[in-house]
Amino acid sequence: LSFLNPKALRFMLVSLDVKADTMVSTLGKYFFQCAIEAMNENAKGVYITLTENPNISEEDKNMLAGIMLKREMPSENWKNFEVEIPSENQKKIMTDCLMRLRMRTIERETASIKQKINDINEEEQISLMKKIKDLVKEKNDLTLKLKSFT
């Protein structure tokens, strides 16, 4: 959504405080940073700018196109409105995606901690176990929020 609509991207940046580091993969971070640059340069279409970027490989452009085709596209009528924030449905889509991204980050972080935990002293283990507990609580809270939105 944010690649199709600069207003949606701005909403993510300003209202939801999304940053490139929010993205899980290196490629996702790169795409997001390119999208921000395109928006700041007042490019007509962030997605078009990304697909025309010579620094993005054809393989990555094809992957981006696949992602864009899989999602539900906003109505053509959306272009006729001059509003500053996306509709409630689009806000929900963005918020859900961000919560799911955070949940994936939590899962990766937890798995990484579990791999390290046997190789450290007891005091550090206790600290990491607390970190795992906090991450699991955050993930459970996000899961409840996602369920309450549906």
N, C-alpha and C. Protein backbone atom coordinates (compact mmCIF):
# COMPACT_ATOMS: atom_id res chain seq x y z
N LEU A 1 0.83 -1.19 0.00
CA LEU A 1 0.00 0.00 0.00
C LEU A 1 0.87 1.25 0.00
N SER A 2 1.92 1.24 0.81
CA SER A 2 2.76 2.44 0.90
C SER A 2 3.55 2.67 -0.38
N PHE A 3 3.78 1.63 -1.17
CA PHE A 3 4.49 1.80 -2.43
C PHE A 3 3.57 2.35 -3.52
N LEU A 4 2.27 2.20 -3.34
CA LEU A 4 1.32 2.70 -4.34
C LEU A 4 0.83 4.10 -4.02
N ASN A 5 0.87 4.47 -2.76
CA ASN A 5 0.26 5.73 -2.36
C ASN A 5 1.23 6.50 -1.45
N PRO A 6 1.82 7.59 -1.95
CA PRO A 6 2.75 8.36 -1.12
C PRO A 6 2.12 8.86 0.19
N LYS A 7 0.82 9.12 0.18
CA LYS A 7 0.15 9.56 1.40
C LYS A 7 0.14 8.44 2.44
N ALA A 8 -0.02 7.21 1.97
CA ALA A 8 0.01 6.07 2.89
C ALA A 8 1.42 5.91 3.47
N LEU A 9 2.43 6.10 2.64
CA LEU A 9 3.81 6.02 3.11
C LEU A 9 4.08 7.12 4.14
N ARG A 10 3.63 8.34 3.85
CA ARG A 10 3.81 9.44 4.81
C ARG A 10 3.08 9.15 6.12
N PHE A 11 1.88 8.57 6.02
CA PHE A 11 1.13 8.20 7.22
C PHE A 11 1.93 7.20 8.05
N MET A 12 2.53 6.21 7.38
CA MET A 12 3.34 5.22 8.09
C MET A 12 4.52 5.88 8.80
N LEU A 13 5.16 6.79 8.13
CA LEU A 13 6.34 7.46 8.70
C LEU A 13 5.97 8.38 9.86
N VAL A 14 4.93 9.18 9.67
CA VAL A 14 4.60 10.20 10.66
C VAL A 14 3.72 9.66 11.78
N SER A 15 2.62 9.04 11.42
CA SER A 15 1.65 8.61 12.44
C SER A 15 2.01 7.30 13.11
N LEU A 16 2.58 6.37 12.34
CA LEU A 16 2.91 5.07 12.90
C LEU A 16 4.39 4.94 13.28
N ASP A 17 5.19 5.96 12.99
CA ASP A 17 6.61 6.01 13.32
C ASP A 17 7.38 4.80 12.79
N VAL A 18 7.06 4.41 11.55
CA VAL A 18 7.76 3.29 10.91
C VAL A 18 9.07 3.81 10.35
N LYS A 19 10.11 3.00 10.53
CA LYS A 19 11.43 3.34 10.01
C LYS A 19 11.93 2.14 9.19
N ALA A 20 12.97 2.34 8.42
CA ALA A 20 13.53 1.25 7.62
C ALA A 20 13.90 0.07 8.52
N ASP A 21 14.37 0.36 9.73
CA ASP A 21 14.76 -0.71 10.66
C ASP A 21 13.57 -1.56 11.11
N THR A 22 12.37 -1.08 10.89
CA THR A 22 11.17 -1.85 11.23
C THR A 22 11.05 -3.07 10.33
N MET A 23 11.58 -2.96 9.11
CA MET A 23 11.50 -4.07 8.16
C MET A 23 12.38 -5.22 8.63
N VAL A 24 11.96 -6.43 8.33
CA VAL A 24 12.65 -7.63 8.82
C VAL A 24 13.89 -7.96 8.00
N SER A 25 13.78 -7.90 6.69
CA SER A 25 14.90 -8.31 5.85
C SER A 25 15.72 -7.11 5.38
N THR A 26 16.93 -7.40 4.96
CA THR A 26 17.79 -6.36 4.41
C THR A 26 17.16 -5.76 3.15
N LEU A 27 16.59 -6.62 2.32
CA LEU A 27 15.95 -6.14 1.09
C LEU A 27 14.73 -5.27 1.42
N GLY A 28 13.96 -5.67 2.42
CA GLY A 28 12.81 -4.87 2.84
C GLY A 28 13.25 -3.50 3.33
N LYS A 29 14.34 -3.46 4.08
CA LYS A 29 14.87 -2.18 4.56
C LYS A 29 15.31 -1.31 3.38
N TYR A 30 15.95 -1.95 2.40
CA TYR A 30 16.42 -1.21 1.22
C TYR A 30 15.23 -0.67 0.42
N PHE A 31 14.22 -1.52 0.17
CA PHE A 31 13.02 -1.07 -0.55
C PHE A 31 12.37 0.09 0.18
N PHE A 32 12.26 -0.02 1.49
CA PHE A 32 11.60 1.03 2.27
C PHE A 32 12.38 2.33 2.18
N GLN A 33 13.71 2.26 2.29
CA GLN A 33 14.54 3.46 2.20
C GLN A 33 14.41 4.09 0.81
N CYS A 34 14.39 3.26 -0.24
CA CYS A 34 14.20 3.78 -1.60
C CYS A 34 12.83 4.44 -1.74
N ALA A 35 11.82 3.85 -1.12
CA ALA A 35 10.47 4.41 -1.17
C ALA A 35 10.44 5.79 -0.50
N ILE A 36 11.11 5.92 0.62
CA ILE A 36 11.17 7.20 1.32
C ILE A 36 11.87 8.25 0.45
N GLU A 37 12.98 7.84 -0.17
CA GLU A 37 13.70 8.77 -1.05
C GLU A 37 12.81 9.21 -2.22
N ALA A 38 12.10 8.27 -2.81
CA ALA A 38 11.21 8.60 -3.92
C ALA A 38 10.11 9.56 -3.47
N MET A 39 9.56 9.32 -2.28
CA MET A 39 8.52 10.20 -1.76
C MET A 39 9.09 11.60 -1.52
N ASN A 40 10.29 11.67 -0.94
CA ASN A 40 10.91 12.96 -0.66
C ASN A 40 11.26 13.74 -1.92
N GLU A 41 11.47 13.01 -3.00
CA GLU A 41 11.78 13.65 -4.28
C GLU A 41 10.50 13.96 -5.06
N ASN A 42 9.34 13.76 -4.41
CA ASN A 42 8.03 14.00 -5.02
C ASN A 42 7.81 13.19 -6.30
N ALA A 43 8.32 11.96 -6.29
CA ALA A 43 8.09 11.09 -7.43
C ALA A 43 6.60 10.79 -7.54
N LYS A 44 6.11 10.67 -8.74
CA LYS A 44 4.68 10.42 -8.95
C LYS A 44 4.25 9.09 -8.35
N GLY A 45 5.05 8.07 -8.52
CA GLY A 45 4.70 6.76 -7.99
C GLY A 45 5.91 6.10 -7.36
N VAL A 46 5.80 5.77 -6.09
CA VAL A 46 6.91 5.14 -5.38
C VAL A 46 7.23 3.79 -6.01
N TYR A 47 6.20 3.00 -6.29
CA TYR A 47 6.41 1.68 -6.89
C TYR A 47 7.09 1.81 -8.24
N ILE A 48 6.64 2.74 -9.06
CA ILE A 48 7.25 2.93 -10.39
C ILE A 48 8.71 3.36 -10.24
N THR A 49 8.97 4.24 -9.29
CA THR A 49 10.34 4.69 -9.05
C THR A 49 11.22 3.52 -8.63
N LEU A 50 10.68 2.64 -7.79
CA LEU A 50 11.45 1.46 -7.38
C LEU A 50 11.75 0.56 -8.56
N THR A 51 10.76 0.33 -9.41
CA THR A 51 10.97 -0.57 -10.55
C THR A 51 11.90 0.04 -11.59
N GLU A 52 12.06 1.36 -11.58
CA GLU A 52 12.97 2.02 -12.53
C GLU A 52 14.35 2.27 -11.93
N ASN A 53 14.53 1.92 -10.66
CA ASN A 53 15.80 2.15 -9.97
C ASN A 53 16.87 1.21 -10.52
N PRO A 54 17.95 1.74 -11.11
CA PRO A 54 18.99 0.88 -11.69
C PRO A 54 19.79 0.10 -10.64
N ASN A 55 19.71 0.49 -9.37
CA ASN A 55 20.43 -0.20 -8.31
C ASN A 55 19.69 -1.43 -7.79
N ILE A 56 18.46 -1.63 -8.22
CA ILE A 56 17.67 -2.79 -7.79
C ILE A 56 17.73 -3.82 -8.91
N SER A 57 18.13 -5.03 -8.56
CA SER A 57 18.29 -6.09 -9.56
C SER A 57 16.95 -6.48 -10.16
N GLU A 58 17.00 -7.07 -11.34
CA GLU A 58 15.78 -7.54 -12.00
C GLU A 58 15.07 -8.57 -11.14
N GLU A 59 15.83 -9.43 -10.49
CA GLU A 59 15.24 -10.45 -9.61
C GLU A 59 14.46 -9.80 -8.47
N ASP A 60 15.04 -8.78 -7.87
CA ASP A 60 14.37 -8.08 -6.77
C ASP A 60 13.15 -7.29 -7.27
N LYS A 61 13.25 -6.72 -8.47
CA LYS A 61 12.10 -6.02 -9.06
C LYS A 61 10.96 -7.00 -9.32
N ASN A 62 11.31 -8.20 -9.79
CA ASN A 62 10.28 -9.21 -10.04
C ASN A 62 9.62 -9.65 -8.73
N MET A 63 10.44 -9.78 -7.67
CA MET A 63 9.88 -10.15 -6.37
C MET A 63 8.93 -9.05 -5.89
N LEU A 64 9.34 -7.80 -6.03
CA LEU A 64 8.50 -6.67 -5.62
C LEU A 64 7.20 -6.68 -6.41
N ALA A 65 7.29 -6.93 -7.72
CA ALA A 65 6.08 -6.99 -8.54
C ALA A 65 5.17 -8.11 -8.07
N GLY A 66 5.75 -9.25 -7.72
CA GLY A 66 4.95 -10.38 -7.21
C GLY A 66 4.23 -10.02 -5.93
N ILE A 67 4.91 -9.33 -5.04
CA ILE A 67 4.29 -8.90 -3.78
C ILE A 67 3.14 -7.94 -4.07
N MET A 68 3.36 -7.02 -4.98
CA MET A 68 2.34 -6.03 -5.29
C MET A 68 1.12 -6.68 -5.93
N LEU A 69 1.33 -7.70 -6.74
CA LEU A 69 0.21 -8.36 -7.40
C LEU A 69 -0.59 -9.24 -6.45
N LYS A 70 0.05 -9.75 -5.40
CA LYS A 70 -0.63 -10.64 -4.45
C LYS A 70 -1.61 -9.90 -3.57
N ARG A 71 -1.34 -8.66 -3.26
CA ARG A 71 -2.18 -7.93 -2.31
C ARG A 71 -3.42 -7.37 -3.00
N GLU A 72 -4.40 -7.09 -2.23
CA GLU A 72 -5.61 -6.47 -2.76
C GLU A 72 -5.30 -5.02 -3.09
N MET A 73 -5.61 -4.63 -4.31
CA MET A 73 -5.32 -3.28 -4.76
C MET A 73 -6.41 -2.32 -4.29
N PRO A 74 -6.04 -1.08 -3.93
CA PRO A 74 -7.06 -0.11 -3.55
C PRO A 74 -7.92 0.25 -4.76
N SER A 75 -9.10 0.71 -4.46
CA SER A 75 -10.04 1.12 -5.50
C SER A 75 -9.45 2.23 -6.36
N GLU A 76 -9.77 2.23 -7.64
CA GLU A 76 -9.34 3.31 -8.53
C GLU A 76 -9.89 4.65 -8.06
N ASN A 77 -11.03 4.63 -7.38
CA ASN A 77 -11.63 5.87 -6.88
C ASN A 77 -10.76 6.56 -5.84
N TRP A 78 -9.84 5.80 -5.21
CA TRP A 78 -8.97 6.36 -4.19
C TRP A 78 -8.20 7.56 -4.73
N LYS A 79 -7.83 7.51 -6.01
CA LYS A 79 -7.05 8.59 -6.62
C LYS A 79 -7.85 9.88 -6.73
N ASN A 80 -9.17 9.80 -6.69
CA ASN A 80 -10.02 10.98 -6.84
C ASN A 80 -10.13 11.81 -5.56
N PHE A 81 -9.70 11.24 -4.44
CA PHE A 81 -9.85 11.94 -3.17
C PHE A 81 -8.56 12.62 -2.78
N GLU A 82 -8.67 13.80 -2.23
CA GLU A 82 -7.51 14.55 -1.76
C GLU A 82 -7.54 14.56 -0.23
N VAL A 83 -7.21 13.44 0.36
CA VAL A 83 -7.19 13.34 1.82
C VAL A 83 -5.77 13.06 2.27
N GLU A 84 -5.49 13.41 3.50
CA GLU A 84 -4.13 13.29 4.01
C GLU A 84 -3.81 11.94 4.62
N ILE A 85 -4.82 11.20 5.05
CA ILE A 85 -4.54 9.89 5.65
C ILE A 85 -5.36 8.84 4.93
N PRO A 86 -4.90 7.59 4.96
CA PRO A 86 -5.65 6.53 4.30
C PRO A 86 -6.96 6.24 5.03
N SER A 87 -7.85 5.53 4.35
CA SER A 87 -9.11 5.15 4.97
C SER A 87 -8.85 4.22 6.14
N GLU A 88 -9.88 4.00 6.96
CA GLU A 88 -9.73 3.13 8.12
C GLU A 88 -9.27 1.73 7.69
N ASN A 89 -9.80 1.24 6.58
CA ASN A 89 -9.41 -0.08 6.12
C ASN A 89 -7.92 -0.10 5.76
N GLN A 90 -7.44 0.94 5.11
CA GLN A 90 -6.03 0.98 4.75
C GLN A 90 -5.15 1.16 5.98
N LYS A 91 -5.62 1.94 6.96
CA LYS A 91 -4.86 2.06 8.21
C LYS A 91 -4.77 0.70 8.88
N LYS A 92 -5.87 -0.05 8.87
CA LYS A 92 -5.88 -1.38 9.47
C LYS A 92 -4.90 -2.30 8.76
N ILE A 93 -4.87 -2.26 7.44
CA ILE A 93 -3.93 -3.09 6.69
C ILE A 93 -2.50 -2.76 7.09
N MET A 94 -2.17 -1.47 7.13
CA MET A 94 -0.81 -1.06 7.50
C MET A 94 -0.48 -1.48 8.93
N THR A 95 -1.39 -1.23 9.84
CA THR A 95 -1.16 -1.58 11.24
C THR A 95 -0.99 -3.08 11.41
N ASP A 96 -1.85 -3.87 10.76
CA ASP A 96 -1.72 -5.32 10.84
C ASP A 96 -0.37 -5.79 10.32
N CYS A 97 0.04 -5.24 9.19
CA CYS A 97 1.34 -5.63 8.60
C CYS A 97 2.49 -5.29 9.54
N LEU A 98 2.42 -4.11 10.14
CA LEU A 98 3.48 -3.71 11.06
C LEU A 98 3.51 -4.59 12.30
N MET A 99 2.34 -4.95 12.80
CA MET A 99 2.30 -5.84 13.97
C MET A 99 2.88 -7.21 13.61
N ARG A 100 2.53 -7.71 12.42
CA ARG A 100 3.07 -9.00 11.99
C ARG A 100 4.58 -8.94 11.77
N LEU A 101 5.07 -7.82 11.24
CA LEU A 101 6.51 -7.65 11.10
C LEU A 101 7.20 -7.68 12.46
N ARG A 102 6.62 -6.98 13.41
CA ARG A 102 7.20 -6.97 14.76
C ARG A 102 7.17 -8.37 15.37
N MET A 103 6.10 -9.11 15.13
CA MET A 103 6.02 -10.48 15.66
C MET A 103 7.11 -11.36 15.05
N ARG A 104 7.37 -11.20 13.76
CA ARG A 104 8.44 -11.97 13.12
C ARG A 104 9.80 -11.58 13.69
N THR A 105 9.99 -10.29 13.94
CA THR A 105 11.24 -9.83 14.53
C THR A 105 11.41 -10.43 15.92
N ILE A 106 10.35 -10.47 16.69
CA ILE A 106 10.39 -11.06 18.03
C ILE A 106 10.76 -12.54 17.94
N GLU A 107 10.15 -13.25 17.01
CA GLU A 107 10.45 -14.68 16.85
C GLU A 107 11.93 -14.90 16.52
N ARG A 108 12.46 -14.09 15.63
CA ARG A 108 13.89 -14.22 15.27
C ARG A 108 14.79 -13.87 16.44
N GLU A 109 14.44 -12.81 17.14
CA GLU A 109 15.24 -12.39 18.28
C GLU A 109 15.22 -13.46 19.38
N THR A 110 14.06 -14.03 19.64
CA THR A 110 13.93 -15.09 20.64
C THR A 110 14.75 -16.31 20.25
N ALA A 111 14.68 -16.70 18.99
CA ALA A 111 15.44 -17.87 18.52
C ALA A 111 16.94 -17.62 18.65
N SER A 112 17.37 -16.40 18.34
CA SER A 112 18.78 -16.05 18.46
C SER A 112 19.25 -16.14 19.91
N ILE A 113 18.44 -15.63 20.82
CA ILE A 113 18.77 -15.68 22.25
C ILE A 113 18.86 -17.13 22.71
N LYS A 114 17.92 -17.97 22.30
CA LYS A 114 17.91 -19.37 22.71
C LYS A 114 19.16 -20.11 22.24
N GLN A 115 19.68 -19.73 21.09
CA GLN A 115 20.90 -20.36 20.59
C GLN A 115 22.11 -19.98 21.44
N LYS A 116 22.12 -18.78 21.97
CA LYS A 116 23.25 -18.28 22.75
C LYS A 116 23.21 -18.71 24.21
N ILE A 117 22.05 -19.04 24.71
CA ILE A 117 21.84 -19.12 26.16
C ILE A 117 22.71 -20.18 26.86
N ASN A 118 23.03 -21.27 26.18
CA ASN A 118 23.82 -22.31 26.82
C ASN A 118 25.31 -22.00 26.85
N ASP A 119 25.74 -20.99 26.11
CA ASP A 119 27.16 -20.67 26.01
C ASP A 119 27.59 -19.51 26.90
N ILE A 120 26.73 -19.11 27.83
CA ILE A 120 27.06 -17.97 28.68
C ILE A 120 26.92 -18.33 30.15
N ASN A 121 27.40 -17.44 31.01
CA ASN A 121 27.33 -17.72 32.45
C ASN A 121 25.91 -17.57 32.97
N GLU A 122 25.70 -18.02 34.19
CA GLU A 122 24.35 -18.06 34.78
C GLU A 122 23.72 -16.68 34.91
N GLU A 123 24.50 -15.69 35.27
CA GLU A 123 23.97 -14.34 35.43
C GLU A 123 23.45 -13.79 34.09
N GLU A 124 24.21 -14.02 33.03
CA GLU A 124 23.78 -13.59 31.70
C GLU A 124 22.56 -14.40 31.24
N GLN A 125 22.52 -15.67 31.62
CA GLN A 125 21.36 -16.50 31.26
C GLN A 125 20.09 -15.95 31.87
N ILE A 126 20.17 -15.53 33.12
CA ILE A 126 19.00 -14.96 33.80
C ILE A 126 18.53 -13.70 33.08
N SER A 127 19.48 -12.86 32.70
CA SER A 127 19.15 -11.64 31.98
C SER A 127 18.47 -11.97 30.64
N LEU A 128 18.99 -12.95 29.92
CA LEU A 128 18.41 -13.32 28.64
C LEU A 128 17.05 -13.99 28.79
N MET A 129 16.89 -14.75 29.86
CA MET A 129 15.58 -15.37 30.10
C MET A 129 14.52 -14.29 30.36
N LYS A 130 14.92 -13.23 31.06
CA LYS A 130 13.99 -12.12 31.27
C LYS A 130 13.65 -11.45 29.93
N LYS A 131 14.66 -11.30 29.09
CA LYS A 131 14.44 -10.71 27.77
C LYS A 131 13.47 -11.57 26.96
N ILE A 132 13.64 -12.90 27.00
CA ILE A 132 12.74 -13.81 26.30
C ILE A 132 11.33 -13.66 26.84
N LYS A 133 11.21 -13.59 28.16
CA LYS A 133 9.89 -13.43 28.79
C LYS A 133 9.21 -12.15 28.31
N ASP A 134 9.98 -11.05 28.25
CA ASP A 134 9.43 -9.77 27.79
C ASP A 134 9.01 -9.84 26.32
N LEU A 135 9.83 -10.51 25.50
CA LEU A 135 9.51 -10.65 24.08
C LEU A 135 8.26 -11.49 23.88
N VAL A 136 8.14 -12.59 24.63
CA VAL A 136 6.95 -13.44 24.52
C VAL A 136 5.71 -12.67 24.94
N LYS A 137 5.82 -11.88 26.00
CA LYS A 137 4.68 -11.07 26.42
C LYS A 137 4.29 -10.06 25.34
N GLU A 138 5.29 -9.41 24.74
CA GLU A 138 5.01 -8.45 23.68
C GLU A 138 4.32 -9.14 22.50
N LYS A 139 4.82 -10.32 22.13
CA LYS A 139 4.21 -11.07 21.01
C LYS A 139 2.78 -11.47 21.35
N ASN A 140 2.54 -11.93 22.57
CA ASN A 140 1.18 -12.29 22.98
C ASN A 140 0.25 -11.09 22.95
N ASP A 141 0.75 -9.93 23.39
CA ASP A 141 -0.06 -8.71 23.35
C ASP A 141 -0.40 -8.32 21.91
N LEU A 142 0.57 -8.46 21.02
CA LEU A 142 0.32 -8.17 19.60
C LEU A 142 -0.70 -9.14 19.01
N THR A 143 -0.60 -10.40 19.39
CA THR A 143 -1.55 -11.41 18.90
C THR A 143 -2.96 -11.05 19.35
N LEU A 144 -3.11 -10.64 20.59
CA LEU A 144 -4.43 -10.24 21.09
C LEU A 144 -4.96 -9.02 20.35
N LYS A 145 -4.09 -8.06 20.08
CA LYS A 145 -4.51 -6.86 19.33
C LYS A 145 -4.98 -7.24 17.94
N LEU A 146 -4.22 -8.12 17.28
CA LEU A 146 -4.60 -8.55 15.94
C LEU A 146 -5.96 -9.25 15.95
N LYS A 147 -6.19 -10.09 16.94
CA LYS A 147 -7.45 -10.80 17.05
C LYS A 147 -8.60 -9.83 17.34
N SER A 148 -8.33 -8.80 18.11
CA SER A 148 -9.41 -7.85 18.45
C SER A 148 -9.79 -6.98 17.26
N PHE A 149 -8.89 -6.82 16.28
CA PHE A 149 -9.18 -6.02 15.10
C PHE A 149 -10.02 -6.77 14.09
N THR A 150 -10.04 -8.10 14.18
CA THR A 150 -10.76 -8.88 13.17
C THR A 150 -12.20 -9.12 13.55
